[in-house]
PDB file of N, CA and C in Angstrom:
ATOM      1  N   MET A   1       1.045  -1.010   0.082  1.00  0.00           N
ATOM      2  CA  MET A   1      -0.117   0.046   0.155  1.00  0.00           C
ATOM      3  C   MET A   1       0.810   1.164   0.105  1.00  0.00           C
ATOM      4  N   GLN A   2       0.800   1.804  -1.091  1.00  0.00           N
ATOM      5  CA  GLN A   2       1.815   3.064  -1.444  1.00  0.00           C
ATOM      6  C   GLN A   2       1.411   4.093  -0.366  1.00  0.00           C
ATOM      7  N   ARG A   3       0.320   4.333   0.061  1.00  0.00           N
ATOM      8  CA  ARG A   3      -0.023   5.442   0.790  1.00  0.00           C
ATOM      9  C   ARG A   3       0.585   5.422   2.361  1.00  0.00           C
ATOM     10  N   ILE A   4       0.618   4.029   2.701  1.00  0.00           N
ATOM     11  CA  ILE A   4       1.238   3.776   3.923  1.00  0.00           C
ATOM     12  C   ILE A   4       2.893   4.207   3.927  1.00  0.00           C
ATOM     13  N   LYS A   5       3.480   3.897   2.854  1.00  0.00           N
ATOM     14  CA  LYS A   5       4.782   4.474   2.763  1.00  0.00           C
ATOM     15  C   LYS A   5       4.888   6.048   2.652  1.00  0.00           C
ATOM     16  N   ASP A   6       3.824   6.629   1.829  1.00  0.00           N
ATOM     17  CA  ASP A   6       4.006   8.100   1.625  1.00  0.00           C
ATOM     18  C   ASP A   6       3.859   8.625   2.878  1.00  0.00           C
ATOM     19  N   LEU A   7       2.728   8.354   3.731  1.00  0.00           N
ATOM     20  CA  LEU A   7       2.501   8.845   5.043  1.00  0.00           C
ATOM     21  C   LEU A   7       3.695   8.935   6.084  1.00  0.00           C
ATOM     22  N   ARG A   8       4.263   7.545   6.138  1.00  0.00           N
ATOM     23  CA  ARG A   8       5.467   7.249   7.031  1.00  0.00           C
ATOM     24  C   ARG A   8       6.438   8.392   6.659  1.00  0.00           C
ATOM     25  N   GLU A   9       6.668   8.423   5.376  1.00  0.00           N
ATOM     26  CA  GLU A   9       7.833   9.172   4.686  1.00  0.00           C
ATOM     27  C   GLU A   9       7.586  10.698   5.052  1.00  0.00           C
ATOM     28  N   ILE A  10       6.228  11.181   4.792  1.00  0.00           N
ATOM     29  CA  ILE A  10       6.080  12.586   5.090  1.00  0.00           C
ATOM     30  C   ILE A  10       6.074  12.761   6.665  1.00  0.00           C
ATOM     31  N   HIS A  11       5.955  12.186   7.604  1.00  0.00           N
ATOM     32  CA  HIS A  11       6.197  12.090   8.782  1.00  0.00           C
ATOM     33  C   HIS A  11       7.604  11.797   9.252  1.00  0.00           C
ATOM     34  N   GLY A  12       8.436  11.676   8.375  1.00  0.00           N
ATOM     35  CA  GLY A  12       9.826  11.411   8.600  1.00  0.00           C
ATOM     36  C   GLY A  12      10.107  10.187   9.697  1.00  0.00           C
ATOM     37  N   MET A  13       9.145   9.009   9.317  1.00  0.00           N
ATOM     38  CA  MET A  13       9.192   7.939  10.449  1.00  0.00           C
ATOM     39  C   MET A  13      10.099   6.703   9.445  1.00  0.00           C
ATOM     40  N   SER A  14      10.694   6.041  10.392  1.00  0.00           N
ATOM     41  CA  SER A  14      11.188   4.730   9.725  1.00  0.00           C
ATOM     42  C   SER A  14      10.111   3.709   9.784  1.00  0.00           C
ATOM     43  N   GLN A  15      10.524   2.673   9.087  1.00  0.00           N
ATOM     44  CA  GLN A  15       9.436   1.522   9.125  1.00  0.00           C
ATOM     45  C   GLN A  15       9.533   0.765  10.571  1.00  0.00           C
ATOM     46  N   GLN A  16      10.776   0.777  10.999  1.00  0.00           N
ATOM     47  CA  GLN A  16      10.863   0.334  12.619  1.00  0.00           C
ATOM     48  C   GLN A  16       9.963   1.121  13.601  1.00  0.00           C
ATOM     49  N   ARG A  17       9.959   2.436  13.442  1.00  0.00           N
ATOM     50  CA  ARG A  17       9.126   3.336  14.288  1.00  0.00           C
ATOM     51  C   ARG A  17       7.843   3.084  13.997  1.00  0.00           C
ATOM     52  N   LEU A  18       7.238   3.021  12.747  1.00  0.00           N
ATOM     53  CA  LEU A  18       5.817   2.811  12.604  1.00  0.00           C
ATOM     54  C   LEU A  18       5.511   1.428  13.144  1.00  0.00           C
ATOM     55  N   ALA A  19       6.214   0.441  12.991  1.00  0.00           N
ATOM     56  CA  ALA A  19       5.898  -0.742  13.472  1.00  0.00           C
ATOM     57  C   ALA A  19       5.982  -0.900  14.788  1.00  0.00           C
ATOM     58  N   ALA A  20       6.504  -0.009  15.622  1.00  0.00           N
ATOM     59  CA  ALA A  20       6.467   0.100  17.050  1.00  0.00           C
ATOM     60  C   ALA A  20       5.189   0.639  17.599  1.00  0.00           C
ATOM     61  N   GLU A  21       4.899   1.727  16.590  1.00  0.00           N
ATOM     62  CA  GLU A  21       3.579   2.306  17.080  1.00  0.00           C
ATOM     63  C   GLU A  21       2.486   1.691  16.876  1.00  0.00           C
ATOM     64  N   LEU A  22       2.496   0.817  15.853  1.00  0.00           N
ATOM     65  CA  LEU A  22       1.409  -0.086  15.507  1.00  0.00           C
ATOM     66  C   LEU A  22       1.408  -1.492  16.216  1.00  0.00           C
ATOM     67  N   ASN A  23       2.641  -1.947  16.972  1.00  0.00           N
ATOM     68  CA  ASN A  23       2.812  -3.063  17.573  1.00  0.00           C
ATOM     69  C   ASN A  23       2.751  -4.414  16.522  1.00  0.00           C
ATOM     70  N   VAL A  24       3.521  -3.972  15.644  1.00  0.00           N
ATOM     71  CA  VAL A  24       3.752  -5.094  14.667  1.00  0.00           C
ATOM     72  C   VAL A  24       5.319  -4.857  14.362  1.00  0.00           C
ATOM     73  N   THR A  25       5.744  -5.915  13.477  1.00  0.00           N
ATOM     74  CA  THR A  25       7.163  -5.913  13.224  1.00  0.00           C
ATOM     75  C   THR A  25       7.395  -5.192  11.787  1.00  0.00           C
ATOM     76  N   GLN A  26       8.687  -4.827  12.122  1.00  0.00           N
ATOM     77  CA  GLN A  26       9.145  -4.005  10.800  1.00  0.00           C
ATOM     78  C   GLN A  26       8.990  -4.646   9.521  1.00  0.00           C
ATOM     79  N   ALA A  27       9.101  -6.063   9.407  1.00  0.00           N
ATOM     80  CA  ALA A  27       9.096  -6.809   8.220  1.00  0.00           C
ATOM     81  C   ALA A  27       7.468  -6.771   7.840  1.00  0.00           C
ATOM     82  N   MET A  28       6.570  -6.627   8.716  1.00  0.00           N
ATOM     83  CA  MET A  28       5.060  -6.599   8.405  1.00  0.00           C
ATOM     84  C   MET A  28       5.009  -5.282   7.915  1.00  0.00           C
ATOM     85  N   VAL A  29       5.179  -4.145   8.312  1.00  0.00           N
ATOM     86  CA  VAL A  29       5.230  -2.857   7.689  1.00  0.00           C
ATOM     87  C   VAL A  29       5.804  -2.972   6.326  1.00  0.00           C
ATOM     88  N   SER A  30       6.961  -3.286   6.165  1.00  0.00           N
ATOM     89  CA  SER A  30       7.579  -3.506   4.872  1.00  0.00           C
ATOM     90  C   SER A  30       6.593  -4.201   3.883  1.00  0.00           C
ATOM     91  N   LYS A  31       5.989  -5.559   4.414  1.00  0.00           N
ATOM     92  CA  LYS A  31       5.196  -6.170   3.381  1.00  0.00           C
ATOM     93  C   LYS A  31       3.885  -5.480   2.986  1.00  0.00           C
ATOM     94  N   TYR A  32       3.478  -4.622   3.811  1.00  0.00           N
ATOM     95  CA  TYR A  32       2.153  -3.749   3.688  1.00  0.00           C
ATOM     96  C   TYR A  32       2.606  -2.815   2.497  1.00  0.00           C
ATOM     97  N   GLU A  33       3.943  -2.015   2.670  1.00  0.00           N
ATOM     98  CA  GLU A  33       4.033  -1.050   1.772  1.00  0.00           C
ATOM     99  C   GLU A  33       4.540  -1.666   0.389  1.00  0.00           C
ATOM    100  N   LEU A  34       5.146  -2.801   0.456  1.00  0.00           N
ATOM    101  CA  LEU A  34       5.253  -3.400  -0.710  1.00  0.00           C
ATOM    102  C   LEU A  34       4.083  -4.298  -1.563  1.00  0.00           C
ATOM    103  N   GLY A  35       3.045  -4.326  -0.879  1.00  0.00           N
ATOM    104  CA  GLY A  35       1.925  -4.946  -1.452  1.00  0.00           C
ATOM    105  C   GLY A  35       2.214  -6.580  -1.239  1.00  0.00           C
ATOM    106  N   VAL A  36       2.897  -6.990  -0.401  1.00  0.00           N
ATOM    107  CA  VAL A  36       2.894  -8.374  -0.281  1.00  0.00           C
ATOM    108  C   VAL A  36       2.081  -8.925   0.436  1.00  0.00           C
ATOM    109  N   SER A  37       1.613  -8.044   1.623  1.00  0.00           N
ATOM    110  CA  SER A  37       0.707  -8.438   2.596  1.00  0.00           C
ATOM    111  C   SER A  37      -0.471  -7.241   2.688  1.00  0.00           C
ATOM    112  N   GLU A  38      -1.379  -7.583   2.954  1.00  0.00           N
ATOM    113  CA  GLU A  38      -2.717  -6.480   3.198  1.00  0.00           C
ATOM    114  C   GLU A  38      -2.957  -6.631   4.662  1.00  0.00           C
ATOM    115  N   PRO A  39      -3.021  -5.221   5.045  1.00  0.00           N
ATOM    116  CA  PRO A  39      -3.383  -5.309   6.437  1.00  0.00           C
ATOM    117  C   PRO A  39      -4.705  -5.588   6.725  1.00  0.00           C
ATOM    118  N   ASP A  40      -5.271  -6.094   7.675  1.00  0.00           N
ATOM    119  CA  ASP A  40      -6.756  -6.365   8.094  1.00  0.00           C
ATOM    120  C   ASP A  40      -7.380  -5.221   8.414  1.00  0.00           C
ATOM    121  N   VAL A  41      -8.880  -5.279   8.449  1.00  0.00           N
ATOM    122  CA  VAL A  41      -9.626  -4.143   8.602  1.00  0.00           C
ATOM    123  C   VAL A  41      -9.418  -3.463   9.954  1.00  0.00           C
ATOM    124  N   ASN A  42      -8.968  -4.291  11.127  1.00  0.00           N
ATOM    125  CA  ASN A  42      -8.678  -3.408  12.203  1.00  0.00           C
ATOM    126  C   ASN A  42      -7.201  -2.796  12.213  1.00  0.00           C
ATOM    127  N   MET A  43      -6.211  -3.073  11.247  1.00  0.00           N
ATOM    128  CA  MET A  43      -5.037  -2.772  11.173  1.00  0.00           C
ATOM    129  C   MET A  43      -5.104  -1.441  10.332  1.00  0.00           C
ATOM    130  N   ILE A  44      -5.914  -1.426   9.350  1.00  0.00           N
ATOM    131  CA  ILE A  44      -6.263  -0.220   8.281  1.00  0.00           C
ATOM    132  C   ILE A  44      -6.824   0.927   9.287  1.00  0.00           C
ATOM    133  N   LYS A  45      -7.686   0.590  10.202  1.00  0.00           N
ATOM    134  CA  LYS A  45      -8.377   1.564  11.126  1.00  0.00           C
ATOM    135  C   LYS A  45      -7.389   1.919  11.906  1.00  0.00           C
ATOM    136  N   ARG A  46      -6.411   1.270  12.464  1.00  0.00           N
ATOM    137  CA  ARG A  46      -5.330   1.888  13.203  1.00  0.00           C
ATOM    138  C   ARG A  46      -4.473   2.675  12.649  1.00  0.00           C
ATOM    139  N   ILE A  47      -3.875   2.345  11.512  1.00  0.00           N
ATOM    140  CA  ILE A  47      -3.184   3.342  10.503  1.00  0.00           C
ATOM    141  C   ILE A  47      -3.901   4.590  10.181  1.00  0.00           C
ATOM    142  N   ALA A  48      -5.201   4.426   9.925  1.00  0.00           N
ATOM    143  CA  ALA A  48      -5.718   5.661   9.603  1.00  0.00           C
ATOM    144  C   ALA A  48      -5.889   6.495  10.734  1.00  0.00           C
ATOM    145  N   GLU A  49      -6.113   5.943  12.013  1.00  0.00           N
ATOM    146  CA  GLU A  49      -6.491   6.924  13.088  1.00  0.00           C
ATOM    147  C   GLU A  49      -4.949   7.390  13.542  1.00  0.00           C
ATOM    148  N   TYR A  50      -3.764   6.549  13.468  1.00  0.00           N
ATOM    149  CA  TYR A  50      -2.583   7.106  13.712  1.00  0.00           C
ATOM    150  C   TYR A  50      -2.099   8.433  12.922  1.00  0.00           C
ATOM    151  N   PHE A  51      -2.376   8.244  11.731  1.00  0.00           N
ATOM    152  CA  PHE A  51      -2.152   9.456  10.683  1.00  0.00           C
ATOM    153  C   PHE A  51      -3.152  10.495  10.410  1.00  0.00           C
ATOM    154  N   GLY A  52      -4.395  10.222  10.998  1.00  0.00           N
ATOM    155  CA  GLY A  52      -5.421  11.108  11.085  1.00  0.00           C
ATOM    156  C   GLY A  52      -5.871  11.206   9.618  1.00  0.00           C
ATOM    157  N   VAL A  53      -6.137   9.968   8.902  1.00  0.00           N
ATOM    158  CA  VAL A  53      -6.465  10.133   7.653  1.00  0.00           C
ATOM    159  C   VAL A  53      -7.654   9.240   7.558  1.00  0.00           C
ATOM    160  N   SER A  54      -8.436   9.231   6.446  1.00  0.00           N
ATOM    161  CA  SER A  54      -9.742   8.077   6.252  1.00  0.00           C
ATOM    162  C   SER A  54      -9.128   6.870   5.822  1.00  0.00           C
ATOM    163  N   SER A  55      -9.790   5.917   6.064  1.00  0.00           N
ATOM    164  CA  SER A  55      -9.482   4.505   5.549  1.00  0.00           C
ATOM    165  C   SER A  55      -9.502   4.565   3.996  1.00  0.00           C
ATOM    166  N   ASP A  56     -10.628   5.269   3.518  1.00  0.00           N
ATOM    167  CA  ASP A  56     -10.752   5.277   1.946  1.00  0.00           C
ATOM    168  C   ASP A  56      -9.649   5.961   1.393  1.00  0.00           C
ATOM    169  N   TYR A  57      -8.915   6.879   2.101  1.00  0.00           N
ATOM    170  CA  TYR A  57      -7.671   7.457   1.559  1.00  0.00           C
ATOM    171  C   TYR A  57      -6.499   6.314   1.480  1.00  0.00           C
ATOM    172  N   LEU A  58      -6.471   5.539   2.686  1.00  0.00           N
ATOM    173  CA  LEU A  58      -5.368   4.329   2.784  1.00  0.00           C
ATOM    174  C   LEU A  58      -5.423   3.367   1.651  1.00  0.00           C
ATOM    175  N   LEU A  59      -7.038   2.904   1.460  1.00  0.00           N
ATOM    176  CA  LEU A  59      -7.278   2.083   0.424  1.00  0.00           C
ATOM    177  C   LEU A  59      -7.438   2.476  -1.123  1.00  0.00           C
ATOM    178  N   GLU A  60      -6.850   3.891  -1.308  1.00  0.00           N
ATOM    179  CA  GLU A  60      -6.844   4.556  -2.501  1.00  0.00           C
ATOM    180  C   GLU A  60      -8.280   4.571  -3.117  1.00  0.00           C
ATOM    181  N   LEU A  61      -9.325   4.757  -2.247  1.00  0.00           N
ATOM    182  CA  LEU A  61     -10.739   4.722  -2.902  1.00  0.00           C
ATOM    183  C   LEU A  61     -11.237   6.161  -3.170  1.00  0.00           C
ATOM    184  N   SER A  62     -10.292   7.145  -2.358  1.00  0.00           N
ATOM    185  CA  SER A  62     -10.535   8.599  -2.202  1.00  0.00           C
ATOM    186  C   SER A  62      -9.052   9.076  -2.115  1.00  0.00           C
ATOM    187  N   ASP A  63      -9.103  10.449  -2.679  1.00  0.00           N
ATOM    188  CA  ASP A  63      -7.904  11.193  -2.652  1.00  0.00           C
ATOM    189  C   ASP A  63      -7.914  12.161  -1.682  1.00  0.00           C
ATOM    190  N   ASP A  64      -9.063  12.236  -0.822  1.00  0.00           N
ATOM    191  CA  ASP A  64      -9.345  13.055   0.377  1.00  0.00           C
ATOM    192  C   ASP A  64      -8.867  12.360   1.534  1.00  0.00           C
ATOM    193  N   LYS A  65      -7.832  13.063   2.357  1.00  0.00           N
ATOM    194  CA  LYS A  65      -7.378  12.593   3.589  1.00  0.00           C
ATOM    195  C   LYS A  65      -8.388  12.678   4.739  1.00  0.00           C
ATOM    196  N   THR A  66      -9.293  13.603   4.581  1.00  0.00           N
ATOM    197  CA  THR A  66     -10.018  13.785   5.627  1.00  0.00           C
ATOM    198  C   THR A  66     -10.916  12.676   6.122  1.00  0.00           C
ATOM    199  N   ALA A  67     -11.077  12.366   7.338  1.00  0.00           N
ATOM    200  CA  ALA A  67     -11.915  11.280   7.913  1.00  0.00           C
ATOM    201  C   ALA A  67     -13.045  11.970   8.644  1.00  0.00           C
ATOM    202  N   VAL A  68     -14.320  11.596   7.871  1.00  0.00           N
ATOM    203  CA  VAL A  68     -15.438  12.100   8.547  1.00  0.00           C
ATOM    204  C   VAL A  68     -16.012  11.319   9.637  1.00  0.00           C
ATOM    205  N   SER A  69     -16.488  11.729  10.596  1.00  0.00           N
ATOM    206  CA  SER A  69     -17.077  10.898  11.544  1.00  0.00           C
ATOM    207  C   SER A  69     -18.587  11.122  11.794  1.00  0.00           C
ATOM    208  N   VAL A  70     -19.465  10.344  11.571  1.00  0.00           N
ATOM    209  CA  VAL A  70     -20.905  10.360  11.733  1.00  0.00           C
ATOM    210  C   VAL A  70     -21.481  10.266  13.279  1.00  0.00           C
ATOM    211  N   SER A  71     -20.610  10.009  13.961  1.00  0.00           N
ATOM    212  CA  SER A  71     -21.004   9.420  15.380  1.00  0.00           C
ATOM    213  C   SER A  71     -21.655  10.799  16.019  1.00  0.00           C
ATOM    214  N   GLY A  72     -22.552  10.782  16.613  1.00  0.00           N
ATOM    215  CA  GLY A  72     -23.345  11.975  17.317  1.00  0.00           C
ATOM    216  C   GLY A  72     -24.286  12.649  16.476  1.00  0.00           C
ATOM    217  N   LEU A  73     -24.407  12.146  15.076  1.00  0.00           N
ATOM    218  CA  LEU A  73     -25.366  12.706  14.218  1.00  0.00           C
ATOM    219  C   LEU A  73     -26.663  12.091  14.330  1.00  0.00           C
ATOM    220  N   SER A  74     -27.827  12.863  13.874  1.00  0.00           N
ATOM    221  CA  SER A  74     -29.200  12.029  14.052  1.00  0.00           C
ATOM    222  C   SER A  74     -29.147  11.287  12.705  1.00  0.00           C
ATOM    223  N   GLN A  75     -30.337  10.378  12.605  1.00  0.00           N
ATOM    224  CA  GLN A  75     -30.168   9.564  11.358  1.00  0.00           C
ATOM    225  C   GLN A  75     -30.493  10.565  10.280  1.00  0.00           C
ATOM    226  N   GLU A  76     -31.393  11.535  10.513  1.00  0.00           N
ATOM    227  CA  GLU A  76     -31.923  12.662   9.424  1.00  0.00           C
ATOM    228  C   GLU A  76     -30.608  13.478   8.978  1.00  0.00           C
ATOM    229  N   GLU A  77     -29.650  13.649   9.659  1.00  0.00           N
ATOM    230  CA  GLU A  77     -28.281  14.418   9.393  1.00  0.00           C
ATOM    231  C   GLU A  77     -27.512  13.367   8.636  1.00  0.00           C
ATOM    232  N   LYS A  78     -27.585  12.149   8.939  1.00  0.00           N
ATOM    233  CA  LYS A  78     -26.661  11.067   8.203  1.00  0.00           C
ATOM    234  C   LYS A  78     -27.183  10.945   6.836  1.00  0.00           C
ATOM    235  N   ASP A  79     -28.647  10.951   6.669  1.00  0.00           N
ATOM    236  CA  ASP A  79     -29.187  10.708   5.492  1.00  0.00           C
ATOM    237  C   ASP A  79     -28.718  11.757   4.510  1.00  0.00           C
ATOM    238  N   VAL A  80     -28.885  12.966   5.037  1.00  0.00           N
ATOM    239  CA  VAL A  80     -28.441  14.256   4.003  1.00  0.00           C
ATOM    240  C   VAL A  80     -26.869  14.236   3.724  1.00  0.00           C
ATOM    241  N   LEU A  81     -26.205  13.788   4.522  1.00  0.00           N
ATOM    242  CA  LEU A  81     -24.744  13.625   4.101  1.00  0.00           C
ATOM    243  C   LEU A  81     -24.369  12.570   3.116  1.00  0.00           C
ATOM    244  N   PHE A  82     -25.267  11.326   3.411  1.00  0.00           N
ATOM    245  CA  PHE A  82     -25.041  10.338   2.331  1.00  0.00           C
ATOM    246  C   PHE A  82     -25.508  10.615   1.098  1.00  0.00           C
ATOM    247  N   GLY A  83     -27.023  11.308   1.120  1.00  0.00           N
ATOM    248  CA  GLY A  83     -27.549  11.832   0.079  1.00  0.00           C
ATOM    249  C   GLY A  83     -26.718  12.656  -0.909  1.00  0.00           C
ATOM    250  N   PHE A  84     -26.090  13.636  -0.105  1.00  0.00           N
ATOM    251  CA  PHE A  84     -25.165  14.542  -0.713  1.00  0.00           C
ATOM    252  C   PHE A  84     -24.124  13.794  -1.321  1.00  0.00           C
ATOM    253  N   LYS A  85     -23.528  12.745  -1.000  1.00  0.00           N
ATOM    254  CA  LYS A  85     -22.527  12.128  -1.572  1.00  0.00           C
ATOM    255  C   LYS A  85     -22.818  11.430  -2.993  1.00  0.00           C
ATOM    256  N   ARG A  86     -24.257  11.066  -2.944  1.00  0.00           N
ATOM    257  CA  ARG A  86     -24.674  10.447  -4.230  1.00  0.00           C
ATOM    258  C   ARG A  86     -24.987  11.476  -5.489  1.00  0.00           C
ATOM    259  N   LEU A  87     -24.974  12.783  -5.041  1.00  0.00           N
ATOM    260  CA  LEU A  87     -25.419  13.692  -6.224  1.00  0.00           C
ATOM    261  C   LEU A  87     -24.220  14.002  -7.259  1.00  0.00           C
ATOM    262  N   ASP A  88     -24.513  14.359  -8.429  1.00  0.00           N
ATOM    263  CA  ASP A  88     -23.585  14.692  -9.204  1.00  0.00           C
ATOM    264  C   ASP A  88     -22.942  16.130  -9.064  1.00  0.00           C
ATOM    265  N   LYS A  89     -21.972  16.671  -9.718  1.00  0.00           N
ATOM    266  CA  LYS A  89     -21.251  17.865  -9.373  1.00  0.00           C
ATOM    267  C   LYS A  89     -22.079  19.014  -9.526  1.00  0.00           C
ATOM    268  N   ILE A  90     -23.180  18.864 -10.593  1.00  0.00           N
ATOM    269  CA  ILE A  90     -23.993  20.198 -10.797  1.00  0.00           C
ATOM    270  C   ILE A  90     -25.120  20.191  -9.552  1.00  0.00           C
ATOM    271  N   GLN A  91     -25.646  19.017  -9.272  1.00  0.00           N
ATOM    272  CA  GLN A  91     -26.628  18.879  -8.193  1.00  0.00           C
ATOM    273  C   GLN A  91     -25.992  19.449  -7.086  1.00  0.00           C
ATOM    274  N   LYS A  92     -24.758  18.993  -6.688  1.00  0.00           N
ATOM    275  CA  LYS A  92     -23.918  19.378  -5.252  1.00  0.00           C
ATOM    276  C   LYS A  92     -23.835  20.983  -5.367  1.00  0.00           C
ATOM    277  N   ALA A  93     -23.572  21.657  -6.513  1.00  0.00           N
ATOM    278  CA  ALA A  93     -23.496  23.131  -6.628  1.00  0.00           C
ATOM    279  C   ALA A  93     -24.709  23.820  -6.436  1.00  0.00           C
ATOM    280  N   LYS A  94     -25.689  23.068  -6.891  1.00  0.00           N
ATOM    281  CA  LYS A  94     -27.041  23.740  -6.791  1.00  0.00           C
ATOM    282  C   LYS A  94     -27.386  23.619  -5.277  1.00  0.00           C
ATOM    283  N   LEU A  95     -27.283  22.534  -4.657  1.00  0.00           N
ATOM    284  CA  LEU A  95     -27.637  22.401  -3.390  1.00  0.00           C
ATOM    285  C   LEU A  95     -26.948  23.279  -2.171  1.00  0.00           C
ATOM    286  N   GLN A  96     -25.643  23.208  -2.670  1.00  0.00           N
ATOM    287  CA  GLN A  96     -24.877  24.116  -2.016  1.00  0.00           C
ATOM    288  C   GLN A  96     -25.250  25.713  -1.781  1.00  0.00           C
ATOM    289  N   ALA A  97     -25.503  26.135  -3.120  1.00  0.00           N
ATOM    290  CA  ALA A  97     -26.193  27.589  -3.286  1.00  0.00           C
ATOM    291  C   ALA A  97     -27.334  27.547  -2.383  1.00  0.00           C
ATOM    292  N   TYR A  98     -28.252  26.781  -2.579  1.00  0.00           N
ATOM    293  CA  TYR A  98     -29.560  26.769  -1.899  1.00  0.00           C
ATOM    294  C   TYR A  98     -29.415  26.996  -0.343  1.00  0.00           C
ATOM    295  N   LEU A  99     -28.455  26.004   0.179  1.00  0.00           N
ATOM    296  CA  LEU A  99     -28.278  26.107   1.497  1.00  0.00           C
ATOM    297  C   LEU A  99     -27.626  27.345   1.928  1.00  0.00           C
ATOM    298  N   GLN A 100     -26.835  27.833   0.963  1.00  0.00           N
ATOM    299  CA  GLN A 100     -26.196  29.282   1.546  1.00  0.00           C
ATOM    300  C   GLN A 100     -27.271  30.387   1.722  1.00  0.00           C
ATOM    301  N   GLY A 101     -28.148  30.156   0.683  1.00  0.00           N
ATOM    302  CA  GLY A 101     -29.308  31.181   0.680  1.00  0.00           C
ATOM    303  C   GLY A 101     -30.273  31.058   1.958  1.00  0.00           C
ATOM    304  N   LEU A 102     -30.414  29.778   2.277  1.00  0.00           N
ATOM    305  CA  LEU A 102     -31.108  29.470   3.461  1.00  0.00           C
ATOM    306  C   LEU A 102     -30.604  30.021   4.845  1.00  0.00           C
ATOM    307  N   LEU A 103     -29.105  29.925   4.852  1.00  0.00           N
ATOM    308  CA  LEU A 103     -28.518  30.401   5.967  1.00  0.00           C
ATOM    309  C   LEU A 103     -28.301  31.925   6.096  1.00  0.00           C
ATOM    310  N   GLN A 104     -28.501  32.482   5.084  1.00  0.00           N
ATOM    311  CA  GLN A 104     -28.476  34.135   4.875  1.00  0.00           C
ATOM    312  C   GLN A 104     -29.692  34.559   5.403  1.00  0.00           C
ATOM    313  N   GLU A 105     -30.759  33.936   5.458  1.00  0.00           N
ATOM    314  CA  GLU A 105     -32.234  34.447   5.823  1.00  0.00           C
ATOM    315  C   GLU A 105     -32.238  34.914   7.173  1.00  0.00           C
TER     316      GLU A 105
END
C-alpha cells in the first residue's frame, strides 16, 4: 500500500518506528508497503487513526485524506450527508447555493 509508505515518509518515520507504534514487526510494515501482504480491517483502522486520515484514503478509494465521523449525528443528518455524496457535481453546486441562501435568511 503506497499510501502507508507515503504517510510514513511525510512524517519522517522509519519502518521500525511505525512498526513500534502499530505493535507489529518492521517486516510486516515492509510487506504492507510493498503490497506483499494486506493489512486487515482493524490494522487499516489503526493506521488511519494514527495518521489522521480516512480509511478510504489509505485504500486509495479517495484522494481526500479527511476522515469524517458520523457519530453523534441524528439519522436525518446522516441521510443528508450520504444523500449529498450520491449527487453529481451540478446537483451538489445547486444544493450548496440553496443552503447558503437559507443560511443567510
